Amino acid sequence: MRGLGCFWAIELVTNRDSKQPLAPYGSSSEAMGKVIAKCKELGLIVFANFNRIHVVPPLNIDDDVVAEGLAILDEALSVADQYYQH
């Protein structure tokens, strides 16, 4: 993850050592498409760019809404696990 204040991005990779992106720069991938689709299926609309999912909630967001969004994101990220290479 990287970010500042309330503007964060989760960078998805296929391997932590090589840092190979889940989607190539300037493009998308089947894997990223499936992660984004799972977010939408669960009710979370995300802004994704290449291999990043941007997390930019409003500063006046309620704690319960944050918890719900993070739970959805956590479940959707499990889809990316099948593309991880050890």
N, C-alpha and C. Protein backbone atom coordinates (compact mmCIF):
# COMPACT_ATOMS: atom_id res chain seq x y z
N MET A 1 0.84 -1.17 0.00
CA MET A 1 0.00 0.00 0.00
C MET A 1 0.89 1.23 0.00
N ARG A 2 0.33 2.27 -0.57
CA ARG A 2 1.00 3.56 -0.50
C ARG A 2 -0.06 4.64 -0.46
N GLY A 3 0.26 5.76 0.14
CA GLY A 3 -0.72 6.82 0.19
C GLY A 3 -0.35 7.92 1.14
N LEU A 4 -1.25 8.90 1.19
CA LEU A 4 -1.06 10.06 2.05
C LEU A 4 -2.43 10.53 2.49
N GLY A 5 -2.59 10.82 3.77
CA GLY A 5 -3.87 11.27 4.26
C GLY A 5 -4.93 10.22 4.03
N CYS A 6 -5.99 10.59 3.33
CA CYS A 6 -7.08 9.65 3.06
C CYS A 6 -7.11 9.26 1.58
N PHE A 7 -5.96 9.28 0.94
CA PHE A 7 -5.85 8.88 -0.47
C PHE A 7 -4.81 7.77 -0.53
N TRP A 8 -5.29 6.55 -0.67
CA TRP A 8 -4.42 5.38 -0.64
C TRP A 8 -4.63 4.52 -1.87
N ALA A 9 -3.64 3.73 -2.20
CA ALA A 9 -3.76 2.75 -3.28
C ALA A 9 -3.21 1.42 -2.82
N ILE A 10 -3.93 0.37 -3.15
CA ILE A 10 -3.48 -0.99 -2.89
C ILE A 10 -2.95 -1.52 -4.21
N GLU A 11 -1.65 -1.83 -4.23
CA GLU A 11 -1.03 -2.34 -5.45
C GLU A 11 -1.02 -3.86 -5.39
N LEU A 12 -1.65 -4.49 -6.38
CA LEU A 12 -1.74 -5.94 -6.41
C LEU A 12 -0.66 -6.51 -7.31
N VAL A 13 0.05 -7.49 -6.78
CA VAL A 13 1.14 -8.13 -7.52
C VAL A 13 0.93 -9.64 -7.54
N THR A 14 1.57 -10.29 -8.50
CA THR A 14 1.49 -11.75 -8.56
C THR A 14 2.56 -12.41 -7.71
N ASN A 15 3.58 -11.64 -7.32
CA ASN A 15 4.67 -12.17 -6.51
C ASN A 15 5.30 -11.02 -5.73
N ARG A 16 5.40 -11.15 -4.43
CA ARG A 16 5.94 -10.06 -3.60
C ARG A 16 7.42 -9.81 -3.87
N ASP A 17 8.16 -10.86 -4.18
CA ASP A 17 9.59 -10.69 -4.41
C ASP A 17 9.88 -9.96 -5.72
N SER A 18 9.24 -10.41 -6.79
CA SER A 18 9.48 -9.79 -8.11
C SER A 18 8.65 -8.53 -8.30
N LYS A 19 7.60 -8.37 -7.50
CA LYS A 19 6.67 -7.23 -7.61
C LYS A 19 6.02 -7.15 -9.00
N GLN A 20 5.85 -8.31 -9.63
CA GLN A 20 5.18 -8.37 -10.93
C GLN A 20 3.73 -7.93 -10.74
N PRO A 21 3.28 -6.86 -11.44
CA PRO A 21 1.92 -6.36 -11.25
C PRO A 21 0.86 -7.36 -11.70
N LEU A 22 -0.28 -7.34 -11.03
CA LEU A 22 -1.39 -8.20 -11.41
C LEU A 22 -1.97 -7.79 -12.76
N ALA A 23 -1.80 -6.52 -13.11
CA ALA A 23 -2.17 -6.03 -14.45
C ALA A 23 -1.02 -5.17 -14.93
N PRO A 24 -0.64 -5.29 -16.19
CA PRO A 24 0.50 -4.52 -16.70
C PRO A 24 0.19 -3.03 -16.78
N TYR A 25 1.25 -2.24 -16.68
CA TYR A 25 1.10 -0.78 -16.78
C TYR A 25 0.44 -0.42 -18.10
N GLY A 26 -0.56 0.43 -18.03
CA GLY A 26 -1.24 0.88 -19.24
C GLY A 26 -2.32 -0.07 -19.72
N SER A 27 -2.64 -1.07 -18.90
CA SER A 27 -3.60 -2.06 -19.36
C SER A 27 -4.36 -2.63 -18.16
N SER A 28 -5.09 -3.69 -18.41
CA SER A 28 -5.79 -4.41 -17.36
C SER A 28 -5.49 -5.89 -17.54
N SER A 29 -6.13 -6.71 -16.77
CA SER A 29 -5.93 -8.16 -16.90
C SER A 29 -7.20 -8.86 -16.45
N GLU A 30 -7.29 -10.12 -16.80
CA GLU A 30 -8.42 -10.94 -16.37
C GLU A 30 -8.50 -10.95 -14.85
N ALA A 31 -7.35 -11.07 -14.20
CA ALA A 31 -7.31 -11.14 -12.74
C ALA A 31 -7.85 -9.86 -12.11
N MET A 32 -7.40 -8.70 -12.58
CA MET A 32 -7.89 -7.44 -12.02
C MET A 32 -9.38 -7.29 -12.30
N GLY A 33 -9.79 -7.69 -13.49
CA GLY A 33 -11.21 -7.63 -13.83
C GLY A 33 -12.07 -8.44 -12.88
N LYS A 34 -11.57 -9.59 -12.48
CA LYS A 34 -12.32 -10.45 -11.56
C LYS A 34 -12.37 -9.85 -10.15
N VAL A 35 -11.28 -9.24 -9.71
CA VAL A 35 -11.27 -8.59 -8.39
C VAL A 35 -12.26 -7.43 -8.38
N ILE A 36 -12.23 -6.62 -9.42
CA ILE A 36 -13.15 -5.47 -9.51
C ILE A 36 -14.59 -5.94 -9.60
N ALA A 37 -14.84 -6.99 -10.38
CA ALA A 37 -16.19 -7.54 -10.50
C ALA A 37 -16.70 -8.04 -9.16
N LYS A 38 -15.82 -8.65 -8.37
CA LYS A 38 -16.23 -9.15 -7.05
C LYS A 38 -16.58 -7.98 -6.14
N CYS A 39 -15.81 -6.91 -6.20
CA CYS A 39 -16.14 -5.71 -5.41
C CYS A 39 -17.53 -5.22 -5.77
N LYS A 40 -17.81 -5.09 -7.06
CA LYS A 40 -19.12 -4.61 -7.52
C LYS A 40 -20.23 -5.55 -7.10
N GLU A 41 -19.98 -6.86 -7.24
CA GLU A 41 -20.97 -7.87 -6.84
C GLU A 41 -21.36 -7.72 -5.38
N LEU A 42 -20.38 -7.36 -4.55
CA LEU A 42 -20.61 -7.23 -3.11
C LEU A 42 -21.07 -5.83 -2.71
N GLY A 43 -21.18 -4.92 -3.69
CA GLY A 43 -21.72 -3.59 -3.40
C GLY A 43 -20.71 -2.49 -3.20
N LEU A 44 -19.46 -2.72 -3.59
CA LEU A 44 -18.42 -1.70 -3.44
C LEU A 44 -17.92 -1.29 -4.82
N ILE A 45 -18.14 -0.04 -5.17
CA ILE A 45 -17.65 0.49 -6.44
C ILE A 45 -16.26 1.05 -6.18
N VAL A 46 -15.27 0.54 -6.92
CA VAL A 46 -13.89 0.97 -6.70
C VAL A 46 -13.34 1.67 -7.94
N PHE A 47 -12.34 2.51 -7.71
CA PHE A 47 -11.58 3.11 -8.79
C PHE A 47 -10.30 2.29 -8.90
N ALA A 48 -10.14 1.62 -10.02
CA ALA A 48 -8.95 0.81 -10.26
C ALA A 48 -8.20 1.35 -11.45
N ASN A 49 -6.89 1.31 -11.37
CA ASN A 49 -6.02 1.78 -12.43
C ASN A 49 -4.84 0.83 -12.52
N PHE A 50 -4.75 0.09 -13.64
CA PHE A 50 -3.72 -0.93 -13.83
C PHE A 50 -3.81 -1.96 -12.72
N ASN A 51 -2.79 -2.07 -11.87
CA ASN A 51 -2.79 -3.06 -10.80
C ASN A 51 -3.14 -2.45 -9.44
N ARG A 52 -3.71 -1.26 -9.46
CA ARG A 52 -4.01 -0.56 -8.20
C ARG A 52 -5.51 -0.40 -7.99
N ILE A 53 -5.91 -0.55 -6.75
CA ILE A 53 -7.26 -0.18 -6.32
C ILE A 53 -7.08 1.01 -5.40
N HIS A 54 -7.69 2.12 -5.77
CA HIS A 54 -7.57 3.35 -4.99
C HIS A 54 -8.65 3.39 -3.91
N VAL A 55 -8.23 3.73 -2.72
CA VAL A 55 -9.12 3.79 -1.57
C VAL A 55 -9.14 5.25 -1.12
N VAL A 56 -10.25 5.93 -1.44
CA VAL A 56 -10.34 7.36 -1.19
C VAL A 56 -11.72 7.70 -0.61
N PRO A 57 -11.94 7.33 0.65
CA PRO A 57 -13.24 7.63 1.25
C PRO A 57 -13.35 9.12 1.60
N PRO A 58 -14.58 9.61 1.71
CA PRO A 58 -14.75 11.00 2.17
C PRO A 58 -14.27 11.12 3.61
N LEU A 59 -13.82 12.28 3.99
CA LEU A 59 -13.28 12.47 5.33
C LEU A 59 -14.34 12.43 6.43
N ASN A 60 -15.60 12.53 6.04
CA ASN A 60 -16.67 12.49 7.04
C ASN A 60 -17.39 11.13 7.05
N ILE A 61 -16.73 10.08 6.63
CA ILE A 61 -17.33 8.75 6.55
C ILE A 61 -17.50 8.17 7.96
N ASP A 62 -18.60 7.46 8.15
CA ASP A 62 -18.87 6.82 9.44
C ASP A 62 -18.02 5.56 9.59
N ASP A 63 -17.65 5.25 10.83
CA ASP A 63 -16.82 4.09 11.11
C ASP A 63 -17.43 2.79 10.61
N ASP A 64 -18.76 2.64 10.75
CA ASP A 64 -19.39 1.40 10.32
C ASP A 64 -19.35 1.23 8.80
N VAL A 65 -19.38 2.34 8.08
CA VAL A 65 -19.29 2.28 6.62
C VAL A 65 -17.86 1.90 6.20
N VAL A 66 -16.87 2.42 6.92
CA VAL A 66 -15.47 2.05 6.67
C VAL A 66 -15.29 0.55 6.89
N ALA A 67 -15.80 0.05 8.00
CA ALA A 67 -15.68 -1.38 8.33
C ALA A 67 -16.35 -2.23 7.26
N GLU A 68 -17.52 -1.83 6.80
CA GLU A 68 -18.23 -2.58 5.76
C GLU A 68 -17.43 -2.60 4.45
N GLY A 69 -16.90 -1.43 4.06
CA GLY A 69 -16.11 -1.35 2.84
C GLY A 69 -14.85 -2.18 2.91
N LEU A 70 -14.17 -2.16 4.05
CA LEU A 70 -12.96 -2.96 4.21
C LEU A 70 -13.26 -4.46 4.20
N ALA A 71 -14.38 -4.85 4.77
CA ALA A 71 -14.76 -6.26 4.75
C ALA A 71 -15.04 -6.72 3.33
N ILE A 72 -15.71 -5.88 2.55
CA ILE A 72 -15.98 -6.22 1.15
C ILE A 72 -14.67 -6.31 0.39
N LEU A 73 -13.80 -5.33 0.58
CA LEU A 73 -12.51 -5.32 -0.11
C LEU A 73 -11.69 -6.55 0.26
N ASP A 74 -11.71 -6.92 1.53
CA ASP A 74 -10.98 -8.11 1.98
C ASP A 74 -11.49 -9.36 1.27
N GLU A 75 -12.79 -9.49 1.16
CA GLU A 75 -13.36 -10.66 0.48
C GLU A 75 -13.01 -10.65 -1.01
N ALA A 76 -13.08 -9.48 -1.63
CA ALA A 76 -12.77 -9.37 -3.06
C ALA A 76 -11.30 -9.66 -3.33
N LEU A 77 -10.42 -9.26 -2.43
CA LEU A 77 -8.99 -9.52 -2.63
C LEU A 77 -8.66 -11.00 -2.57
N SER A 78 -9.53 -11.79 -1.95
CA SER A 78 -9.29 -13.23 -1.94
C SER A 78 -9.35 -13.81 -3.35
N VAL A 79 -10.02 -13.12 -4.26
CA VAL A 79 -10.05 -13.54 -5.67
C VAL A 79 -8.64 -13.44 -6.27
N ALA A 80 -7.90 -12.41 -5.87
CA ALA A 80 -6.54 -12.21 -6.39
C ALA A 80 -5.59 -13.30 -5.89
N ASP A 81 -5.92 -13.93 -4.77
CA ASP A 81 -5.04 -14.97 -4.22
C ASP A 81 -4.78 -16.10 -5.21
N GLN A 82 -5.76 -16.42 -6.02
CA GLN A 82 -5.58 -17.54 -6.96
C GLN A 82 -4.55 -17.22 -8.06
N TYR A 83 -4.19 -15.97 -8.20
CA TYR A 83 -3.20 -15.56 -9.20
C TYR A 83 -1.81 -15.34 -8.60
N TYR A 84 -1.70 -15.52 -7.29
CA TYR A 84 -0.42 -15.29 -6.62
C TYR A 84 0.53 -16.46 -6.88
N GLN A 85 1.76 -16.13 -7.23
CA GLN A 85 2.79 -17.14 -7.48
C GLN A 85 3.80 -17.10 -6.36
N HIS A 86 4.06 -18.23 -5.74
CA HIS A 86 5.01 -18.30 -4.62
C HIS A 86 6.42 -18.47 -5.12
